[in-house]
């Protein structure tokens, strides 16, 4: 039996545009691509994003080079100074 896992960002399907942002200051995150993706994922989970939404952003971020990764994740981050910013580097 063949099992296919279709991602909501699969280009063969209608692309889902996620307009949400998280409270994350990327300046405070290690510049390593895995650290950036990890920090994004943890904060998005804390803010109630679904697993599918997070994976959609991460899949797009990983689809090209480092600059694309940074730009993709930065498009979904903004610092809300009135809220407590949680940064967990573990």
Protein backbone atom coordinates (compact mmCIF):
# COMPACT_ATOMS: atom_id res chain seq x y z
CA UNK A 1 0.00 0.00 0.00
CA UNK A 2 1.30 3.44 -0.92
CA UNK A 3 0.99 6.20 1.68
CA UNK A 4 1.27 9.81 0.61
CA UNK A 5 1.70 12.64 3.03
CA UNK A 6 0.52 15.85 1.42
CA UNK A 7 1.81 19.01 2.95
CA UNK A 8 -0.52 22.01 3.00
CA UNK A 9 2.27 23.89 1.22
CA UNK A 10 2.62 21.28 -1.51
CA UNK A 11 2.84 23.24 -4.79
CA UNK A 12 0.58 20.69 -6.46
CA UNK A 13 -2.21 21.83 -4.16
CA UNK A 14 -3.50 25.32 -3.58
CA UNK A 15 -0.83 27.07 -1.53
CA UNK A 16 -1.98 28.19 1.89
CA UNK A 17 -0.85 31.69 2.71
CA UNK A 18 -0.17 32.11 6.42
CA UNK A 19 -0.52 35.74 7.48
CA UNK A 20 0.30 35.19 11.15
CA UNK A 21 3.35 36.41 13.05
CA UNK A 22 4.99 35.41 16.31
CA UNK A 23 6.66 37.50 18.99
CA UNK A 24 10.31 36.67 18.28
CA UNK A 25 13.32 38.96 17.95
CA UNK A 26 15.67 37.15 15.56
CA UNK A 27 18.53 39.45 16.54
CA UNK A 28 18.73 37.55 19.84
CA UNK A 29 18.84 34.13 18.17
CA UNK A 30 22.05 32.34 17.14
CA UNK A 31 22.59 32.75 13.38
CA UNK A 32 22.72 29.00 12.80
CA UNK A 33 19.86 27.89 10.52
CA UNK A 34 18.83 25.08 12.87
CA UNK A 35 18.80 27.42 15.88
CA UNK A 36 16.63 29.90 13.97
CA UNK A 37 14.16 27.22 12.89
CA UNK A 38 14.08 25.78 16.42
CA UNK A 39 13.44 29.16 18.04
CA UNK A 40 10.69 29.90 15.51
CA UNK A 41 9.06 26.51 16.05
CA UNK A 42 9.11 26.74 19.85
CA UNK A 43 7.68 30.25 19.93
CA UNK A 44 5.00 29.44 17.35
CA UNK A 45 3.92 26.43 19.45
CA UNK A 46 3.74 28.65 22.55
CA UNK A 47 1.52 31.05 20.63
CA UNK A 48 -0.90 28.34 19.53
CA UNK A 49 0.12 27.73 15.93
CA UNK A 50 -0.83 24.34 14.55
CA UNK A 51 1.81 21.79 13.62
CA UNK A 52 0.75 22.17 9.98
CA UNK A 53 1.20 25.96 10.03
CA UNK A 54 4.67 25.65 11.55
CA UNK A 55 5.71 22.95 9.08
CA UNK A 56 4.40 25.04 6.18
CA UNK A 57 6.66 27.95 7.13
CA UNK A 58 9.66 25.70 7.83
CA UNK A 59 9.21 23.82 4.55
CA UNK A 60 9.20 27.09 2.64
CA UNK A 61 12.21 28.34 4.63
CA UNK A 62 14.19 25.19 3.78
CA UNK A 63 13.25 25.29 0.09
CA UNK A 64 16.19 27.46 -0.97
CA UNK A 65 19.33 29.01 0.50
CA UNK A 66 20.21 30.55 3.87
CA UNK A 67 19.09 34.04 2.88
CA UNK A 68 15.69 32.66 1.86
CA UNK A 69 15.43 30.84 5.20
CA UNK A 70 16.10 34.07 7.11
CA UNK A 71 13.70 36.11 4.97
CA UNK A 72 10.90 33.54 5.24
CA UNK A 73 11.10 33.25 9.01
CA UNK A 74 11.62 37.01 9.49
CA UNK A 75 8.38 37.62 7.54
CA UNK A 76 6.55 35.74 10.29
CA UNK A 77 8.27 37.39 13.27
CA UNK A 78 7.77 40.72 14.94
CA UNK A 79 8.69 41.98 18.36
CA UNK A 80 5.74 43.04 20.49
CA UNK A 81 7.45 45.02 23.19
CA UNK A 82 4.35 45.13 25.37
CA UNK A 83 4.39 41.34 25.72
CA UNK A 84 6.86 39.12 27.53
CA UNK A 85 9.35 37.75 25.04
CA UNK A 86 10.38 34.19 25.78
CA UNK A 87 13.70 33.07 24.34
CA UNK A 88 14.73 29.53 25.07
CA UNK A 89 18.02 28.44 23.53
CA UNK A 90 17.79 24.85 24.79
